[in-house]
Amino acid sequence: MTEESKLAFRANKCANIIKSLCELYGVSLQEATDIYYQSETSELIEHGVSDLQCRSDKYLASVIWDEHLESSTLPIKG
């Protein structure tokens, strides 16, 4: 697989996960994009860690959503 095809695959995977976030959780495209790029899971996918890119888009969307919910319910330190 060439470097160009790897980039295309990752871009397509990212778009499909964001689309799945919209469909599964009824969030806007902008909100889904923000949730995706703020997740630790997206970084792991981008770096090819643990073969996450081989998981289904809907599964990864649910993992990212759970991560989002967990991070948004953490108590504020101060």
N, C-alpha and C. Protein backbone atom coordinates (compact mmCIF):
# COMPACT_ATOMS: atom_id res chain seq x y z
N MET A 1 0.86 -1.17 0.00
CA MET A 1 0.00 0.00 0.00
C MET A 1 0.90 1.24 0.00
N THR A 2 0.64 2.13 -0.92
CA THR A 2 1.45 3.34 -1.00
C THR A 2 1.06 4.31 0.11
N GLU A 3 1.92 5.27 0.35
CA GLU A 3 1.63 6.29 1.37
C GLU A 3 0.39 7.08 0.99
N GLU A 4 0.22 7.35 -0.28
CA GLU A 4 -0.96 8.09 -0.74
C GLU A 4 -2.25 7.30 -0.50
N SER A 5 -2.21 6.00 -0.73
CA SER A 5 -3.41 5.19 -0.50
C SER A 5 -3.70 5.05 0.99
N LYS A 6 -2.67 5.02 1.82
CA LYS A 6 -2.87 4.99 3.27
C LYS A 6 -3.57 6.26 3.74
N LEU A 7 -3.14 7.41 3.22
CA LEU A 7 -3.76 8.69 3.58
C LEU A 7 -5.22 8.73 3.14
N ALA A 8 -5.48 8.22 1.95
CA ALA A 8 -6.85 8.20 1.44
C ALA A 8 -7.72 7.28 2.29
N PHE A 9 -7.19 6.14 2.69
CA PHE A 9 -7.93 5.21 3.53
C PHE A 9 -8.27 5.85 4.87
N ARG A 10 -7.28 6.50 5.51
CA ARG A 10 -7.51 7.14 6.80
C ARG A 10 -8.53 8.27 6.70
N ALA A 11 -8.44 9.05 5.63
CA ALA A 11 -9.39 10.15 5.44
C ALA A 11 -10.81 9.62 5.27
N ASN A 12 -10.96 8.55 4.52
CA ASN A 12 -12.26 7.93 4.31
C ASN A 12 -12.79 7.34 5.62
N LYS A 13 -11.92 6.69 6.37
CA LYS A 13 -12.31 6.10 7.65
C LYS A 13 -12.79 7.18 8.60
N CYS A 14 -12.06 8.26 8.69
CA CYS A 14 -12.41 9.40 9.54
C CYS A 14 -13.77 9.95 9.16
N ALA A 15 -14.00 10.17 7.87
CA ALA A 15 -15.28 10.70 7.39
C ALA A 15 -16.42 9.76 7.73
N ASN A 16 -16.21 8.47 7.59
CA ASN A 16 -17.26 7.49 7.88
C ASN A 16 -17.58 7.43 9.38
N ILE A 17 -16.58 7.58 10.22
CA ILE A 17 -16.81 7.59 11.67
C ILE A 17 -17.59 8.83 12.06
N ILE A 18 -17.22 9.97 11.51
CA ILE A 18 -17.94 11.21 11.80
C ILE A 18 -19.39 11.10 11.33
N LYS A 19 -19.60 10.54 10.16
CA LYS A 19 -20.96 10.33 9.65
C LYS A 19 -21.74 9.41 10.58
N SER A 20 -21.09 8.37 11.09
CA SER A 20 -21.74 7.45 12.02
C SER A 20 -22.12 8.15 13.32
N LEU A 21 -21.26 9.04 13.80
CA LEU A 21 -21.59 9.82 15.01
C LEU A 21 -22.86 10.64 14.77
N CYS A 22 -22.97 11.25 13.61
CA CYS A 22 -24.17 12.03 13.28
C CYS A 22 -25.41 11.15 13.27
N GLU A 23 -25.31 10.02 12.61
CA GLU A 23 -26.46 9.12 12.46
C GLU A 23 -26.87 8.47 13.78
N LEU A 24 -25.89 8.00 14.54
CA LEU A 24 -26.19 7.25 15.76
C LEU A 24 -26.66 8.15 16.91
N TYR A 25 -26.12 9.35 16.98
CA TYR A 25 -26.35 10.19 18.16
C TYR A 25 -27.06 11.50 17.86
N GLY A 26 -27.43 11.72 16.61
CA GLY A 26 -28.22 12.89 16.24
C GLY A 26 -27.52 14.22 16.45
N VAL A 27 -26.21 14.22 16.31
CA VAL A 27 -25.46 15.47 16.45
C VAL A 27 -25.18 16.05 15.07
N SER A 28 -24.90 17.34 15.04
CA SER A 28 -24.59 17.99 13.76
C SER A 28 -23.23 17.51 13.25
N LEU A 29 -23.01 17.77 11.99
CA LEU A 29 -21.72 17.41 11.38
C LEU A 29 -20.57 18.12 12.09
N GLN A 30 -20.76 19.39 12.40
CA GLN A 30 -19.72 20.16 13.10
C GLN A 30 -19.44 19.57 14.48
N GLU A 31 -20.50 19.25 15.23
CA GLU A 31 -20.32 18.69 16.56
C GLU A 31 -19.65 17.32 16.49
N ALA A 32 -20.07 16.49 15.54
CA ALA A 32 -19.46 15.17 15.37
C ALA A 32 -17.98 15.28 15.02
N THR A 33 -17.66 16.25 14.17
CA THR A 33 -16.26 16.48 13.79
C THR A 33 -15.44 16.89 15.00
N ASP A 34 -15.98 17.81 15.80
CA ASP A 34 -15.28 18.25 17.02
C ASP A 34 -15.09 17.09 17.98
N ILE A 35 -16.12 16.29 18.18
CA ILE A 35 -16.05 15.15 19.09
C ILE A 35 -14.98 14.17 18.60
N TYR A 36 -14.98 13.91 17.30
CA TYR A 36 -14.00 12.98 16.74
C TYR A 36 -12.56 13.46 16.98
N TYR A 37 -12.29 14.71 16.58
CA TYR A 37 -10.92 15.20 16.65
C TYR A 37 -10.44 15.50 18.06
N GLN A 38 -11.34 15.62 19.02
CA GLN A 38 -10.95 15.84 20.41
C GLN A 38 -10.76 14.52 21.16
N SER A 39 -11.04 13.41 20.51
CA SER A 39 -10.94 12.12 21.19
C SER A 39 -9.53 11.55 21.12
N GLU A 40 -9.19 10.80 22.15
CA GLU A 40 -7.91 10.09 22.15
C GLU A 40 -7.94 8.97 21.13
N THR A 41 -9.12 8.41 20.92
CA THR A 41 -9.26 7.30 19.98
C THR A 41 -8.90 7.73 18.56
N SER A 42 -9.26 8.96 18.18
CA SER A 42 -8.93 9.42 16.83
C SER A 42 -7.42 9.47 16.63
N GLU A 43 -6.70 9.86 17.67
CA GLU A 43 -5.24 9.89 17.58
C GLU A 43 -4.69 8.49 17.39
N LEU A 44 -5.26 7.52 18.10
CA LEU A 44 -4.82 6.14 17.96
C LEU A 44 -5.10 5.62 16.56
N ILE A 45 -6.26 5.97 16.02
CA ILE A 45 -6.61 5.56 14.66
C ILE A 45 -5.62 6.16 13.67
N GLU A 46 -5.33 7.45 13.81
CA GLU A 46 -4.42 8.14 12.91
C GLU A 46 -3.02 7.52 12.92
N HIS A 47 -2.61 7.02 14.08
CA HIS A 47 -1.27 6.44 14.21
C HIS A 47 -1.26 4.92 13.98
N GLY A 48 -2.42 4.35 13.66
CA GLY A 48 -2.49 2.92 13.37
C GLY A 48 -2.28 2.04 14.58
N VAL A 49 -2.60 2.54 15.77
CA VAL A 49 -2.40 1.78 17.00
C VAL A 49 -3.50 0.74 17.16
N SER A 50 -3.11 -0.44 17.57
CA SER A 50 -4.03 -1.53 17.92
C SER A 50 -4.98 -1.92 16.80
N ASP A 51 -4.62 -1.65 15.58
CA ASP A 51 -5.46 -2.01 14.43
C ASP A 51 -6.88 -1.49 14.56
N LEU A 52 -7.07 -0.35 15.22
CA LEU A 52 -8.41 0.23 15.37
C LEU A 52 -9.04 0.53 14.02
N GLN A 53 -8.23 0.87 13.04
CA GLN A 53 -8.77 1.19 11.73
C GLN A 53 -9.46 0.00 11.07
N CYS A 54 -9.24 -1.20 11.63
CA CYS A 54 -9.89 -2.40 11.11
C CYS A 54 -11.28 -2.61 11.72
N ARG A 55 -11.60 -1.88 12.76
CA ARG A 55 -12.92 -2.00 13.41
C ARG A 55 -13.97 -1.28 12.57
N SER A 56 -15.23 -1.63 12.77
CA SER A 56 -16.29 -0.99 11.99
C SER A 56 -16.43 0.47 12.38
N ASP A 57 -16.93 1.25 11.45
CA ASP A 57 -17.11 2.69 11.68
C ASP A 57 -18.08 2.94 12.83
N LYS A 58 -19.16 2.18 12.89
CA LYS A 58 -20.16 2.36 13.95
C LYS A 58 -19.59 1.96 15.31
N TYR A 59 -18.79 0.92 15.34
CA TYR A 59 -18.17 0.53 16.61
C TYR A 59 -17.25 1.65 17.10
N LEU A 60 -16.42 2.17 16.22
CA LEU A 60 -15.50 3.24 16.60
C LEU A 60 -16.26 4.50 16.99
N ALA A 61 -17.37 4.78 16.31
CA ALA A 61 -18.19 5.94 16.68
C ALA A 61 -18.72 5.76 18.10
N SER A 62 -19.13 4.54 18.45
CA SER A 62 -19.65 4.31 19.81
C SER A 62 -18.55 4.43 20.86
N VAL A 63 -17.35 4.01 20.54
CA VAL A 63 -16.22 4.15 21.46
C VAL A 63 -15.91 5.63 21.67
N ILE A 64 -15.89 6.38 20.59
CA ILE A 64 -15.59 7.81 20.66
C ILE A 64 -16.71 8.53 21.41
N TRP A 65 -17.96 8.14 21.19
CA TRP A 65 -19.08 8.76 21.90
C TRP A 65 -18.97 8.50 23.41
N ASP A 66 -18.66 7.26 23.78
CA ASP A 66 -18.49 6.93 25.20
C ASP A 66 -17.37 7.75 25.81
N GLU A 67 -16.29 7.90 25.07
CA GLU A 67 -15.15 8.71 25.52
C GLU A 67 -15.59 10.17 25.71
N HIS A 68 -16.37 10.66 24.77
CA HIS A 68 -16.89 12.04 24.84
C HIS A 68 -17.77 12.22 26.08
N LEU A 69 -18.67 11.27 26.32
CA LEU A 69 -19.54 11.37 27.49
C LEU A 69 -18.75 11.34 28.78
N GLU A 70 -17.75 10.47 28.82
CA GLU A 70 -16.92 10.36 30.01
C GLU A 70 -16.15 11.66 30.26
N SER A 71 -15.60 12.25 29.21
CA SER A 71 -14.83 13.47 29.40
C SER A 71 -15.71 14.67 29.73
N SER A 72 -16.96 14.64 29.28
CA SER A 72 -17.84 15.78 29.56
C SER A 72 -18.50 15.69 30.94
N THR A 73 -18.35 14.54 31.61
CA THR A 73 -18.93 14.40 32.95
C THR A 73 -17.88 14.41 34.04
N LEU A 74 -16.62 14.63 33.68
CA LEU A 74 -15.58 14.69 34.68
C LEU A 74 -15.74 15.95 35.52
N PRO A 75 -15.50 15.86 36.81
CA PRO A 75 -15.61 17.06 37.64
C PRO A 75 -14.53 18.08 37.27
N ILE A 76 -14.87 19.33 37.38
CA ILE A 76 -13.93 20.41 37.06
C ILE A 76 -13.04 20.65 38.28
N LYS A 77 -11.73 20.60 38.04
CA LYS A 77 -10.78 20.84 39.13
C LYS A 77 -10.57 22.33 39.27
N GLY A 78 -10.45 22.77 40.49
CA GLY A 78 -10.21 24.20 40.62
C GLY A 78 -10.27 24.58 41.99
